[in-house]
């Protein structure tokens, strides 16, 4: 019984050590990413532009009434449906964000591979 308990402890320790290593970002990774970010922001600075975008919102609209005879009275219930209504909105867009993020990611992986032998440092 003690033998199986020892094996279970070893396996659990191995799994915890390996899984926790993947779940955290190392200090080395953060350092390399910061260096790459600095270079990428110099190469591709923030370039904000205001653009008009079309958004959609749901609006409740009347579609008619349903009336039912109930003795001397005829109660009616208004029927509704929802339709998408377009609207215009202004948003600020960084035109360099995508290429800058791609550059940072590529640089970080490359530097980690060079310095630490893997892409995650």
PDB file of N, CA and C in Angstrom:
ATOM      1  N   UNK A   1       0.819  -1.183   0.000  1.00  0.00           N
ATOM      2  CA  UNK A   1       0.000   0.000   0.000  1.00  0.00           C
ATOM      3  C   UNK A   1       0.869   1.256   0.000  1.00  0.00           C
ATOM      4  N   UNK A   2       1.938   1.260   0.770  1.00  0.00           N
ATOM      5  CA  UNK A   2       2.836   2.409   0.866  1.00  0.00           C
ATOM      6  C   UNK A   2       3.504   2.679  -0.478  1.00  0.00           C
ATOM      7  N   UNK A   3       3.793   1.601  -1.209  1.00  0.00           N
ATOM      8  CA  UNK A   3       4.425   1.729  -2.521  1.00  0.00           C
ATOM      9  C   UNK A   3       3.502   2.498  -3.479  1.00  0.00           C
ATOM     10  N   UNK A   4       2.197   2.165  -3.452  1.00  0.00           N
ATOM     11  CA  UNK A   4       1.248   2.839  -4.340  1.00  0.00           C
ATOM     12  C   UNK A   4       1.042   4.294  -3.938  1.00  0.00           C
ATOM     13  N   UNK A   5       1.075   4.562  -2.650  1.00  0.00           N
ATOM     14  CA  UNK A   5       0.946   5.935  -2.160  1.00  0.00           C
ATOM     15  C   UNK A   5       2.141   6.765  -2.606  1.00  0.00           C
ATOM     16  N   UNK A   6       3.317   6.213  -2.536  1.00  0.00           N
ATOM     17  CA  UNK A   6       4.526   6.919  -2.967  1.00  0.00           C
ATOM     18  C   UNK A   6       4.469   7.207  -4.463  1.00  0.00           C
ATOM     19  N   UNK A   7       4.006   6.252  -5.255  1.00  0.00           N
ATOM     20  CA  UNK A   7       3.887   6.451  -6.707  1.00  0.00           C
ATOM     21  C   UNK A   7       2.851   7.538  -6.995  1.00  0.00           C
ATOM     22  N   UNK A   8       1.731   7.513  -6.282  1.00  0.00           N
ATOM     23  CA  UNK A   8       0.683   8.516  -6.476  1.00  0.00           C
ATOM     24  C   UNK A   8       1.206   9.908  -6.146  1.00  0.00           C
ATOM     25  N   UNK A   9       1.989  10.026  -5.095  1.00  0.00           N
ATOM     26  CA  UNK A   9       2.562  11.323  -4.716  1.00  0.00           C
ATOM     27  C   UNK A   9       3.539  11.806  -5.778  1.00  0.00           C
ATOM     28  N   UNK A  10       4.361  10.906  -6.286  1.00  0.00           N
ATOM     29  CA  UNK A  10       5.323  11.277  -7.334  1.00  0.00           C
ATOM     30  C   UNK A  10       4.604  11.723  -8.607  1.00  0.00           C
ATOM     31  N   UNK A  11       3.593  10.988  -9.004  1.00  0.00           N
ATOM     32  CA  UNK A  11       2.844  11.334 -10.223  1.00  0.00           C
ATOM     33  C   UNK A  11       2.144  12.681 -10.038  1.00  0.00           C
ATOM     34  N   UNK A  12       1.520  12.886  -8.887  1.00  0.00           N
ATOM     35  CA  UNK A  12       0.843  14.152  -8.608  1.00  0.00           C
ATOM     36  C   UNK A  12       1.835  15.305  -8.624  1.00  0.00           C
ATOM     37  N   UNK A  13       2.979  15.113  -7.999  1.00  0.00           N
ATOM     38  CA  UNK A  13       4.020  16.154  -7.994  1.00  0.00           C
ATOM     39  C   UNK A  13       4.506  16.468  -9.393  1.00  0.00           C
ATOM     40  N   UNK A  14       4.692  15.450 -10.197  1.00  0.00           N
ATOM     41  CA  UNK A  14       5.130  15.632 -11.583  1.00  0.00           C
ATOM     42  C   UNK A  14       4.094  16.424 -12.368  1.00  0.00           C
ATOM     43  N   UNK A  15       2.821  16.055 -12.230  1.00  0.00           N
ATOM     44  CA  UNK A  15       1.753  16.756 -12.954  1.00  0.00           C
ATOM     45  C   UNK A  15       1.641  18.202 -12.515  1.00  0.00           C
ATOM     46  N   UNK A  16       1.701  18.455 -11.227  1.00  0.00           N
ATOM     47  CA  UNK A  16       1.609  19.827 -10.724  1.00  0.00           C
ATOM     48  C   UNK A  16       2.782  20.660 -11.234  1.00  0.00           C
ATOM     49  N   UNK A  17       3.969  20.106 -11.202  1.00  0.00           N
ATOM     50  CA  UNK A  17       5.150  20.839 -11.663  1.00  0.00           C
ATOM     51  C   UNK A  17       5.062  21.168 -13.144  1.00  0.00           C
ATOM     52  N   UNK A  18       4.624  20.223 -13.937  1.00  0.00           N
ATOM     53  CA  UNK A  18       4.544  20.457 -15.383  1.00  0.00           C
ATOM     54  C   UNK A  18       3.371  21.345 -15.772  1.00  0.00           C
ATOM     55  N   UNK A  19       2.234  21.158 -15.156  1.00  0.00           N
ATOM     56  CA  UNK A  19       1.068  21.956 -15.519  1.00  0.00           C
ATOM     57  C   UNK A  19       1.181  23.385 -15.017  1.00  0.00           C
ATOM     58  N   UNK A  20       1.752  23.582 -13.853  1.00  0.00           N
ATOM     59  CA  UNK A  20       1.872  24.945 -13.342  1.00  0.00           C
ATOM     60  C   UNK A  20       2.886  25.745 -14.139  1.00  0.00           C
ATOM     61  N   UNK A  21       3.867  25.090 -14.716  1.00  0.00           N
ATOM     62  CA  UNK A  21       4.851  25.789 -15.545  1.00  0.00           C
ATOM     63  C   UNK A  21       4.227  26.367 -16.795  1.00  0.00           C
ATOM     64  N   UNK A  22       3.197  25.730 -17.318  1.00  0.00           N
ATOM     65  CA  UNK A  22       2.538  26.218 -18.526  1.00  0.00           C
ATOM     66  C   UNK A  22       1.537  27.320 -18.214  1.00  0.00           C
ATOM     67  N   UNK A  23       1.058  27.361 -16.989  1.00  0.00           N
ATOM     68  CA  UNK A  23      -0.014  28.295 -16.660  1.00  0.00           C
ATOM     69  C   UNK A  23       0.489  29.685 -16.307  1.00  0.00           C
ATOM     70  N   UNK A  24       1.776  29.834 -16.037  1.00  0.00           N
ATOM     71  CA  UNK A  24       2.277  31.141 -15.622  1.00  0.00           C
ATOM     72  C   UNK A  24       3.214  31.718 -16.670  1.00  0.00           C
ATOM     73  N   UNK A  25       3.229  33.042 -16.718  1.00  0.00           N
ATOM     74  CA  UNK A  25       4.165  33.734 -17.599  1.00  0.00           C
ATOM     75  C   UNK A  25       5.415  34.026 -16.776  1.00  0.00           C
ATOM     76  N   UNK A  26       6.545  33.609 -17.295  1.00  0.00           N
ATOM     77  CA  UNK A  26       7.788  33.761 -16.546  1.00  0.00           C
ATOM     78  C   UNK A  26       8.288  35.195 -16.590  1.00  0.00           C
ATOM     79  N   UNK A  27       9.132  35.511 -15.642  1.00  0.00           N
ATOM     80  CA  UNK A  27       9.759  36.832 -15.603  1.00  0.00           C
ATOM     81  C   UNK A  27      10.610  37.038 -16.844  1.00  0.00           C
ATOM     82  N   UNK A  28      11.262  35.978 -17.290  1.00  0.00           N
ATOM     83  CA  UNK A  28      12.092  36.071 -18.492  1.00  0.00           C
ATOM     84  C   UNK A  28      11.237  36.435 -19.708  1.00  0.00           C
ATOM     85  N   UNK A  29      10.065  35.804 -19.802  1.00  0.00           N
ATOM     86  CA  UNK A  29       9.160  36.083 -20.927  1.00  0.00           C
ATOM     87  C   UNK A  29       8.719  37.547 -20.894  1.00  0.00           C
ATOM     88  N   UNK A  30       8.345  38.022 -19.709  1.00  0.00           N
ATOM     89  CA  UNK A  30       7.910  39.414 -19.573  1.00  0.00           C
ATOM     90  C   UNK A  30       9.022  40.384 -19.958  1.00  0.00           C
ATOM     91  N   UNK A  31      10.251  40.075 -19.571  1.00  0.00           N
ATOM     92  CA  UNK A  31      11.393  40.933 -19.891  1.00  0.00           C
ATOM     93  C   UNK A  31      11.625  40.982 -21.399  1.00  0.00           C
ATOM     94  N   UNK A  32      11.627  39.807 -22.028  1.00  0.00           N
ATOM     95  CA  UNK A  32      11.847  39.738 -23.478  1.00  0.00           C
ATOM     96  C   UNK A  32      10.719  40.460 -24.202  1.00  0.00           C
ATOM     97  N   UNK A  33       9.473  40.258 -23.769  1.00  0.00           N
ATOM     98  CA  UNK A  33       8.336  40.909 -24.422  1.00  0.00           C
ATOM     99  C   UNK A  33       8.416  42.423 -24.272  1.00  0.00           C
ATOM    100  N   UNK A  34       8.861  42.902 -23.120  1.00  0.00           N
ATOM    101  CA  UNK A  34       9.001  44.348 -22.908  1.00  0.00           C
ATOM    102  C   UNK A  34      10.036  44.936 -23.858  1.00  0.00           C
ATOM    103  N   UNK A  35      11.142  44.226 -24.041  1.00  0.00           N
ATOM    104  CA  UNK A  35      12.176  44.694 -24.973  1.00  0.00           C
ATOM    105  C   UNK A  35      11.622  44.740 -26.398  1.00  0.00           C
ATOM    106  N   UNK A  36      10.921  43.689 -26.792  1.00  0.00           N
ATOM    107  CA  UNK A  36      10.345  43.632 -28.139  1.00  0.00           C
ATOM    108  C   UNK A  36       9.262  44.700 -28.315  1.00  0.00           C
ATOM    109  N   UNK A  37       8.483  44.941 -27.275  1.00  0.00           N
ATOM    110  CA  UNK A  37       7.436  45.952 -27.337  1.00  0.00           C
ATOM    111  C   UNK A  37       8.022  47.335 -27.549  1.00  0.00           C
ATOM    112  N   UNK A  38       9.089  47.624 -26.850  1.00  0.00           N
ATOM    113  CA  UNK A  38       9.737  48.926 -26.996  1.00  0.00           C
ATOM    114  C   UNK A  38      10.187  49.150 -28.437  1.00  0.00           C
ATOM    115  N   UNK A  39      10.807  48.142 -29.015  1.00  0.00           N
ATOM    116  CA  UNK A  39      11.259  48.241 -30.406  1.00  0.00           C
ATOM    117  C   UNK A  39      10.074  48.362 -31.363  1.00  0.00           C
ATOM    118  N   UNK A  40       9.024  47.578 -31.125  1.00  0.00           N
ATOM    119  CA  UNK A  40       7.870  47.578 -32.018  1.00  0.00           C
ATOM    120  C   UNK A  40       7.125  48.910 -31.977  1.00  0.00           C
ATOM    121  N   UNK A  41       7.028  49.521 -30.787  1.00  0.00           N
ATOM    122  CA  UNK A  41       6.357  50.821 -30.684  1.00  0.00           C
ATOM    123  C   UNK A  41       7.165  51.917 -31.376  1.00  0.00           C
ATOM    124  N   UNK A  42       8.484  51.774 -31.408  1.00  0.00           N
ATOM    125  CA  UNK A  42       9.302  52.738 -32.150  1.00  0.00           C
ATOM    126  C   UNK A  42       9.108  52.535 -33.653  1.00  0.00           C
ATOM    127  N   UNK A  43       9.039  51.285 -34.060  1.00  0.00           N
ATOM    128  CA  UNK A  43       8.899  50.962 -35.472  1.00  0.00           C
ATOM    129  C   UNK A  43       7.473  51.243 -35.972  1.00  0.00           C
ATOM    130  N   UNK A  44       6.477  50.931 -35.146  1.00  0.00           N
ATOM    131  CA  UNK A  44       5.068  51.111 -35.510  1.00  0.00           C
ATOM    132  C   UNK A  44       4.357  51.880 -34.395  1.00  0.00           C
ATOM    133  N   UNK A  45       4.512  53.209 -34.360  1.00  0.00           N
ATOM    134  CA  UNK A  45       3.894  54.004 -33.280  1.00  0.00           C
ATOM    135  C   UNK A  45       2.365  53.981 -33.376  1.00  0.00           C
ATOM    136  N   UNK A  46       1.734  54.371 -32.285  1.00  0.00           N
ATOM    137  CA  UNK A  46       0.272  54.441 -32.272  1.00  0.00           C
ATOM    138  C   UNK A  46      -0.170  55.459 -33.314  1.00  0.00           C
ATOM    139  N   UNK A  47      -1.090  55.064 -34.168  1.00  0.00           N
ATOM    140  CA  UNK A  47      -1.579  55.904 -35.259  1.00  0.00           C
ATOM    141  C   UNK A  47      -3.113  55.873 -35.230  1.00  0.00           C
ATOM    142  N   UNK A  48      -3.683  56.653 -34.279  1.00  0.00           N
ATOM    143  CA  UNK A  48      -5.133  56.650 -34.097  1.00  0.00           C
ATOM    144  C   UNK A  48      -5.832  57.513 -35.143  1.00  0.00           C
ATOM    145  N   UNK A  49      -6.896  56.965 -35.679  1.00  0.00           N
ATOM    146  CA  UNK A  49      -7.762  57.678 -36.618  1.00  0.00           C
ATOM    147  C   UNK A  49      -9.198  57.422 -36.188  1.00  0.00           C
ATOM    148  N   UNK A  50     -10.050  58.418 -36.401  1.00  0.00           N
ATOM    149  CA  UNK A  50     -11.464  58.254 -36.101  1.00  0.00           C
ATOM    150  C   UNK A  50     -12.151  57.731 -37.355  1.00  0.00           C
ATOM    151  N   UNK A  51     -12.889  56.645 -37.174  1.00  0.00           N
ATOM    152  CA  UNK A  51     -13.631  56.052 -38.277  1.00  0.00           C
ATOM    153  C   UNK A  51     -15.096  55.953 -37.890  1.00  0.00           C
ATOM    154  N   UNK A  52     -15.950  56.009 -38.878  1.00  0.00           N
ATOM    155  CA  UNK A  52     -17.384  55.830 -38.654  1.00  0.00           C
ATOM    156  C   UNK A  52     -17.706  54.359 -38.927  1.00  0.00           C
ATOM    157  N   UNK A  53     -18.288  53.723 -37.929  1.00  0.00           N
ATOM    158  CA  UNK A  53     -18.662  52.310 -38.041  1.00  0.00           C
ATOM    159  C   UNK A  53     -20.176  52.185 -37.950  1.00  0.00           C
ATOM    160  N   UNK A  54     -20.709  51.185 -38.597  1.00  0.00           N
ATOM    161  CA  UNK A  54     -22.133  50.901 -38.493  1.00  0.00           C
ATOM    162  C   UNK A  54     -22.339  49.812 -37.461  1.00  0.00           C
ATOM    163  N   UNK A  55     -23.140  50.128 -36.452  1.00  0.00           N
ATOM    164  CA  UNK A  55     -23.513  49.152 -35.444  1.00  0.00           C
ATOM    165  C   UNK A  55     -24.986  48.814 -35.611  1.00  0.00           C
ATOM    166  N   UNK A  56     -25.446  47.812 -34.911  1.00  0.00           N
ATOM    167  CA  UNK A  56     -26.857  47.425 -34.984  1.00  0.00           C
ATOM    168  C   UNK A  56     -27.397  47.257 -33.579  1.00  0.00           C
ATOM    169  N   UNK A  57     -28.616  47.728 -33.383  1.00  0.00           N
ATOM    170  CA  UNK A  57     -29.299  47.535 -32.106  1.00  0.00           C
ATOM    171  C   UNK A  57     -30.691  46.996 -32.398  1.00  0.00           C
ATOM    172  N   UNK A  58     -31.206  46.228 -31.440  1.00  0.00           N
ATOM    173  CA  UNK A  58     -32.546  45.676 -31.619  1.00  0.00           C
ATOM    174  C   UNK A  58     -33.575  46.673 -31.088  1.00  0.00           C
ATOM    175  N   UNK A  59     -34.599  46.899 -31.901  1.00  0.00           N
ATOM    176  CA  UNK A  59     -35.660  47.826 -31.552  1.00  0.00           C
ATOM    177  C   UNK A  59     -36.992  47.072 -31.593  1.00  0.00           C
ATOM    178  N   UNK A  60     -37.822  47.301 -30.588  1.00  0.00           N
ATOM    179  CA  UNK A  60     -39.134  46.657 -30.543  1.00  0.00           C
ATOM    180  C   UNK A  60     -40.115  47.496 -31.368  1.00  0.00           C
ATOM    181  N   UNK A  61     -40.784  46.844 -32.312  1.00  0.00           N
ATOM    182  CA  UNK A  61     -41.746  47.545 -33.172  1.00  0.00           C
ATOM    183  C   UNK A  61     -43.099  46.833 -33.129  1.00  0.00           C
ATOM    184  N   UNK A  62     -44.139  47.617 -33.248  1.00  0.00           N
ATOM    185  CA  UNK A  62     -45.486  47.042 -33.272  1.00  0.00           C
ATOM    186  C   UNK A  62     -45.715  46.355 -34.611  1.00  0.00           C
ATOM    187  N   UNK A  63     -46.325  45.174 -34.549  1.00  0.00           N
ATOM    188  CA  UNK A  63     -46.635  44.452 -35.787  1.00  0.00           C
ATOM    189  C   UNK A  63     -48.131  44.337 -36.009  1.00  0.00           C
ATOM    190  N   UNK A  64     -48.919  44.779 -35.033  1.00  0.00           N
ATOM    191  CA  UNK A  64     -50.368  44.711 -35.167  1.00  0.00           C
ATOM    192  C   UNK A  64     -51.019  44.361 -33.854  1.00  0.00           C
ATOM    193  N   UNK A  65     -52.291  44.007 -33.930  1.00  0.00           N
ATOM    194  CA  UNK A  65     -53.036  43.636 -32.737  1.00  0.00           C
ATOM    195  C   UNK A  65     -53.782  42.335 -32.973  1.00  0.00           C
ATOM    196  N   UNK A  66     -53.978  41.624 -31.888  1.00  0.00           N
ATOM    197  CA  UNK A  66     -54.804  40.424 -31.908  1.00  0.00           C
ATOM    198  C   UNK A  66     -55.987  40.702 -30.993  1.00  0.00           C
ATOM    199  N   UNK A  67     -57.172  40.611 -31.544  1.00  0.00           N
ATOM    200  CA  UNK A  67     -58.380  40.878 -30.764  1.00  0.00           C
ATOM    201  C   UNK A  67     -59.216  39.604 -30.678  1.00  0.00           C
ATOM    202  N   UNK A  68     -59.801  39.353 -29.521  1.00  0.00           N
ATOM    203  CA  UNK A  68     -60.633  38.166 -29.318  1.00  0.00           C
ATOM    204  C   UNK A  68     -61.946  38.601 -28.672  1.00  0.00           C
ATOM    205  N   UNK A  69     -63.001  38.125 -29.236  1.00  0.00           N
ATOM    206  CA  UNK A  69     -64.329  38.431 -28.697  1.00  0.00           C
ATOM    207  C   UNK A  69     -64.484  37.694 -27.379  1.00  0.00           C
ATOM    208  N   UNK A  70     -64.853  38.421 -26.345  1.00  0.00           N
ATOM    209  CA  UNK A  70     -65.079  37.825 -25.031  1.00  0.00           C
ATOM    210  C   UNK A  70     -66.382  38.381 -24.485  1.00  0.00           C
ATOM    211  N   UNK A  71     -67.462  37.797 -24.915  1.00  0.00           N
ATOM    212  CA  UNK A  71     -68.777  38.292 -24.482  1.00  0.00           C
ATOM    213  C   UNK A  71     -69.079  39.626 -25.128  1.00  0.00           C
ATOM    214  N   UNK A  72     -69.387  40.613 -24.303  1.00  0.00           N
ATOM    215  CA  UNK A  72     -69.712  41.944 -24.813  1.00  0.00           C
ATOM    216  C   UNK A  72     -68.451  42.751 -25.114  1.00  0.00           C
ATOM    217  N   UNK A  73     -67.308  42.278 -24.641  1.00  0.00           N
ATOM    218  CA  UNK A  73     -66.055  43.017 -24.822  1.00  0.00           C
ATOM    219  C   UNK A  73     -65.174  42.340 -25.876  1.00  0.00           C
ATOM    220  N   UNK A  74     -64.321  43.134 -26.491  1.00  0.00           N
ATOM    221  CA  UNK A  74     -63.344  42.605 -27.440  1.00  0.00           C
ATOM    222  C   UNK A  74     -61.963  43.134 -27.030  1.00  0.00           C
ATOM    223  N   UNK A  75     -61.311  42.428 -26.086  1.00  0.00           N
ATOM    224  CA  UNK A  75     -59.980  42.895 -25.680  1.00  0.00           C
ATOM    225  C   UNK A  75     -58.945  42.638 -26.784  1.00  0.00           C
ATOM    226  N   UNK A  76     -58.085  43.604 -26.954  1.00  0.00           N
ATOM    227  CA  UNK A  76     -57.032  43.484 -27.977  1.00  0.00           C
ATOM    228  C   UNK A  76     -55.662  43.519 -27.313  1.00  0.00           C
ATOM    229  N   UNK A  77     -54.745  42.749 -27.871  1.00  0.00           N
ATOM    230  CA  UNK A  77     -53.367  42.717 -27.394  1.00  0.00           C
ATOM    231  C   UNK A  77     -52.454  43.152 -28.530  1.00  0.00           C
ATOM    232  N   UNK A  78     -51.607  44.115 -28.231  1.00  0.00           N
ATOM    233  CA  UNK A  78     -50.660  44.590 -29.239  1.00  0.00           C
ATOM    234  C   UNK A  78     -49.539  43.574 -29.394  1.00  0.00           C
ATOM    235  N   UNK A  79     -49.208  43.259 -30.621  1.00  0.00           N
ATOM    236  CA  UNK A  79     -48.139  42.308 -30.928  1.00  0.00           C
ATOM    237  C   UNK A  79     -46.877  43.087 -31.306  1.00  0.00           C
ATOM    238  N   UNK A  80     -45.737  42.576 -30.861  1.00  0.00           N
ATOM    239  CA  UNK A  80     -44.452  43.226 -31.122  1.00  0.00           C
ATOM    240  C   UNK A  80     -43.479  42.239 -31.731  1.00  0.00           C
ATOM    241  N   UNK A  81     -42.521  42.777 -32.439  1.00  0.00           N
ATOM    242  CA  UNK A  81     -41.396  41.988 -32.956  1.00  0.00           C
ATOM    243  C   UNK A  81     -40.147  42.839 -32.781  1.00  0.00           C
ATOM    244  N   UNK A  82     -39.008  42.215 -32.895  1.00  0.00           N
ATOM    245  CA  UNK A  82     -37.745  42.937 -32.791  1.00  0.00           C
ATOM    246  C   UNK A  82     -37.075  42.962 -34.160  1.00  0.00           C
ATOM    247  N   UNK A  83     -36.560  44.128 -34.505  1.00  0.00           N
ATOM    248  CA  UNK A  83     -35.819  44.216 -35.761  1.00  0.00           C
ATOM    249  C   UNK A  83     -34.487  44.911 -35.491  1.00  0.00           C
ATOM    250  N   UNK A  84     -33.507  44.583 -36.304  1.00  0.00           N
ATOM    251  CA  UNK A  84     -32.194  45.209 -36.175  1.00  0.00           C
ATOM    252  C   UNK A  84     -32.217  46.560 -36.867  1.00  0.00           C
ATOM    253  N   UNK A  85     -31.803  47.563 -36.141  1.00  0.00           N
ATOM    254  CA  UNK A  85     -31.774  48.917 -36.686  1.00  0.00           C
ATOM    255  C   UNK A  85     -30.315  49.379 -36.743  1.00  0.00           C
ATOM    256  N   UNK A  86     -29.837  49.795 -37.898  1.00  0.00           N
ATOM    257  CA  UNK A  86     -28.448  50.261 -37.995  1.00  0.00           C
ATOM    258  C   UNK A  86     -28.291  51.655 -37.397  1.00  0.00           C
ATOM    259  N   UNK A  87     -27.099  51.922 -36.872  1.00  0.00           N
ATOM    260  CA  UNK A  87     -26.761  53.252 -36.394  1.00  0.00           C
ATOM    261  C   UNK A  87     -25.287  53.499 -36.648  1.00  0.00           C
ATOM    262  N   UNK A  88     -24.930  54.758 -36.746  1.00  0.00           N
ATOM    263  CA  UNK A  88     -23.541  55.149 -37.010  1.00  0.00           C
ATOM    264  C   UNK A  88     -22.883  55.574 -35.704  1.00  0.00           C
ATOM    265  N   UNK A  89     -21.638  55.185 -35.515  1.00  0.00           N
ATOM    266  CA  UNK A  89     -20.886  55.590 -34.337  1.00  0.00           C
ATOM    267  C   UNK A  89     -19.444  55.847 -34.729  1.00  0.00           C
ATOM    268  N   UNK A  90     -18.815  56.776 -34.038  1.00  0.00           N
ATOM    269  CA  UNK A  90     -17.408  57.088 -34.295  1.00  0.00           C
ATOM    270  C   UNK A  90     -16.552  56.293 -33.326  1.00  0.00           C
ATOM    271  N   UNK A  91     -15.510  55.653 -33.857  1.00  0.00           N
ATOM    272  CA  UNK A  91     -14.581  54.886 -33.026  1.00  0.00           C
ATOM    273  C   UNK A  91     -13.155  55.278 -33.374  1.00  0.00           C
ATOM    274  N   UNK A  92     -12.300  55.213 -32.375  1.00  0.00           N
ATOM    275  CA  UNK A  92     -10.885  55.490 -32.580  1.00  0.00           C
ATOM    276  C   UNK A  92     -10.185  54.169 -32.892  1.00  0.00           C
ATOM    277  N   UNK A  93      -9.453  54.135 -33.994  1.00  0.00           N
ATOM    278  CA  UNK A  93      -8.796  52.911 -34.447  1.00  0.00           C
ATOM    279  C   UNK A  93      -7.303  53.165 -34.600  1.00  0.00           C
ATOM    280  N   UNK A  94      -6.478  52.313 -33.981  1.00  0.00           N
ATOM    281  CA  UNK A  94      -5.028  52.380 -34.143  1.00  0.00           C
ATOM    282  C   UNK A  94      -4.672  51.564 -35.380  1.00  0.00           C
ATOM    283  N   UNK A  95      -4.289  52.248 -36.431  1.00  0.00           N
ATOM    284  CA  UNK A  95      -4.010  51.568 -37.697  1.00  0.00           C
ATOM    285  C   UNK A  95      -2.778  50.664 -37.632  1.00  0.00           C
ATOM    286  N   UNK A  96      -1.888  50.898 -36.686  1.00  0.00           N
ATOM    287  CA  UNK A  96      -0.671  50.085 -36.572  1.00  0.00           C
ATOM    288  C   UNK A  96      -0.786  48.957 -35.542  1.00  0.00           C
ATOM    289  N   UNK A  97      -1.914  48.837 -34.872  1.00  0.00           N
ATOM    290  CA  UNK A  97      -2.033  47.865 -33.779  1.00  0.00           C
ATOM    291  C   UNK A  97      -1.773  46.429 -34.234  1.00  0.00           C
ATOM    292  N   UNK A  98      -2.371  46.009 -35.326  1.00  0.00           N
ATOM    293  CA  UNK A  98      -2.243  44.609 -35.759  1.00  0.00           C
ATOM    294  C   UNK A  98      -0.804  44.253 -36.115  1.00  0.00           C
ATOM    295  N   UNK A  99      -0.144  45.094 -36.922  1.00  0.00           N
ATOM    296  CA  UNK A  99       1.237  44.787 -37.328  1.00  0.00           C
ATOM    297  C   UNK A  99       2.183  44.900 -36.129  1.00  0.00           C
ATOM    298  N   UNK A 100       1.896  45.839 -35.210  1.00  0.00           N
ATOM    299  CA  UNK A 100       2.731  45.987 -34.015  1.00  0.00           C
ATOM    300  C   UNK A 100       2.599  44.756 -33.119  1.00  0.00           C
ATOM    301  N   UNK A 101       1.368  44.287 -32.888  1.00  0.00           N
ATOM    302  CA  UNK A 101       1.145  43.099 -32.054  1.00  0.00           C
ATOM    303  C   UNK A 101       1.787  41.861 -32.672  1.00  0.00           C
ATOM    304  N   UNK A 102       1.694  41.745 -33.990  1.00  0.00           N
ATOM    305  CA  UNK A 102       2.315  40.618 -34.696  1.00  0.00           C
ATOM    306  C   UNK A 102       3.838  40.681 -34.550  1.00  0.00           C
ATOM    307  N   UNK A 103       4.390  41.883 -34.669  1.00  0.00           N
ATOM    308  CA  UNK A 103       5.839  42.067 -34.529  1.00  0.00           C
ATOM    309  C   UNK A 103       6.298  41.718 -33.126  1.00  0.00           C
ATOM    310  N   UNK A 104       5.544  42.163 -32.118  1.00  0.00           N
ATOM    311  CA  UNK A 104       5.898  41.854 -30.723  1.00  0.00           C
ATOM    312  C   UNK A 104       5.862  40.350 -30.488  1.00  0.00           C
ATOM    313  N   UNK A 105       4.837  39.691 -30.956  1.00  0.00           N
ATOM    314  CA  UNK A 105       4.707  38.241 -30.773  1.00  0.00           C
ATOM    315  C   UNK A 105       5.843  37.491 -31.454  1.00  0.00           C
ATOM    316  N   UNK A 106       6.119  37.848 -32.683  1.00  0.00           N
ATOM    317  CA  UNK A 106       7.181  37.183 -33.444  1.00  0.00           C
ATOM    318  C   UNK A 106       8.544  37.409 -32.802  1.00  0.00           C
ATOM    319  N   UNK A 107       8.818  38.647 -32.430  1.00  0.00           N
ATOM    320  CA  UNK A 107      10.095  38.992 -31.799  1.00  0.00           C
ATOM    321  C   UNK A 107      10.266  38.243 -30.479  1.00  0.00           C
ATOM    322  N   UNK A 108       9.195  38.213 -29.665  1.00  0.00           N
ATOM    323  CA  UNK A 108       9.268  37.553 -28.357  1.00  0.00           C
ATOM    324  C   UNK A 108       9.570  36.071 -28.512  1.00  0.00           C
ATOM    325  N   UNK A 109       8.879  35.412 -29.424  1.00  0.00           N
ATOM    326  CA  UNK A 109       9.124  33.981 -29.649  1.00  0.00           C
ATOM    327  C   UNK A 109      10.550  33.745 -30.125  1.00  0.00           C
ATOM    328  N   UNK A 110      11.004  34.573 -31.043  1.00  0.00           N
ATOM    329  CA  UNK A 110      12.344  34.425 -31.603  1.00  0.00           C
ATOM    330  C   UNK A 110      13.418  34.645 -30.534  1.00  0.00           C
ATOM    331  N   UNK A 111      13.271  35.701 -29.727  1.00  0.00           N
ATOM    332  CA  UNK A 111      14.253  36.000 -28.686  1.00  0.00           C
ATOM    333  C   UNK A 111      14.262  34.932 -27.592  1.00  0.00           C
ATOM    334  N   UNK A 112      13.092  34.450 -27.223  1.00  0.00           N
ATOM    335  CA  UNK A 112      13.017  33.382 -26.216  1.00  0.00           C
ATOM    336  C   UNK A 112      13.699  32.120 -26.731  1.00  0.00           C
ATOM    337  N   UNK A 113      13.472  31.797 -27.995  1.00  0.00           N
ATOM    338  CA  UNK A 113      14.076  30.617 -28.589  1.00  0.00           C
ATOM    339  C   UNK A 113      15.605  30.748 -28.599  1.00  0.00           C
ATOM    340  N   UNK A 114      16.071  31.936 -28.951  1.00  0.00           N
ATOM    341  CA  UNK A 114      17.515  32.178 -28.993  1.00  0.00           C
ATOM    342  C   UNK A 114      18.142  32.133 -27.605  1.00  0.00           C
ATOM    343  N   UNK A 115      17.527  32.807 -26.635  1.00  0.00           N
ATOM    344  CA  UNK A 115      18.116  32.932 -25.295  1.00  0.00           C
ATOM    345  C   UNK A 115      17.874  31.714 -24.396  1.00  0.00           C
ATOM    346  N   UNK A 116      16.658  31.103 -24.517  1.00  0.00           N
ATOM    347  CA  UNK A 116      16.287  30.073 -23.555  1.00  0.00           C
ATOM    348  C   UNK A 116      15.981  28.702 -24.173  1.00  0.00           C
ATOM    349  N   UNK A 117      16.013  28.620 -25.489  1.00  0.00           N
ATOM    350  CA  UNK A 117      15.823  27.332 -26.138  1.00  0.00           C
ATOM    351  C   UNK A 117      14.387  26.943 -26.371  1.00  0.00           C
ATOM    352  N   UNK A 118      13.438  27.826 -26.046  1.00  0.00           N
ATOM    353  CA  UNK A 118      12.029  27.556 -26.339  1.00  0.00           C
ATOM    354  C   UNK A 118      11.306  28.885 -26.540  1.00  0.00           C
ATOM    355  N   UNK A 119      10.131  28.828 -27.145  1.00  0.00           N
ATOM    356  CA  UNK A 119       9.405  30.058 -27.490  1.00  0.00           C
ATOM    357  C   UNK A 119       8.702  30.715 -26.308  1.00  0.00           C
ATOM    358  N   UNK A 120       8.631  30.029 -25.169  1.00  0.00           N
ATOM    359  CA  UNK A 120       7.911  30.576 -24.018  1.00  0.00           C
ATOM    360  C   UNK A 120       8.839  31.018 -22.885  1.00  0.00           C
ATOM    361  N   UNK A 121      10.155  30.986 -23.165  1.00  0.00           N
ATOM    362  CA  UNK A 121      11.191  31.361 -22.178  1.00  0.00           C
ATOM    363  C   UNK A 121      11.140  30.457 -20.960  1.00  0.00           C
TER     364      UNK A 121
END
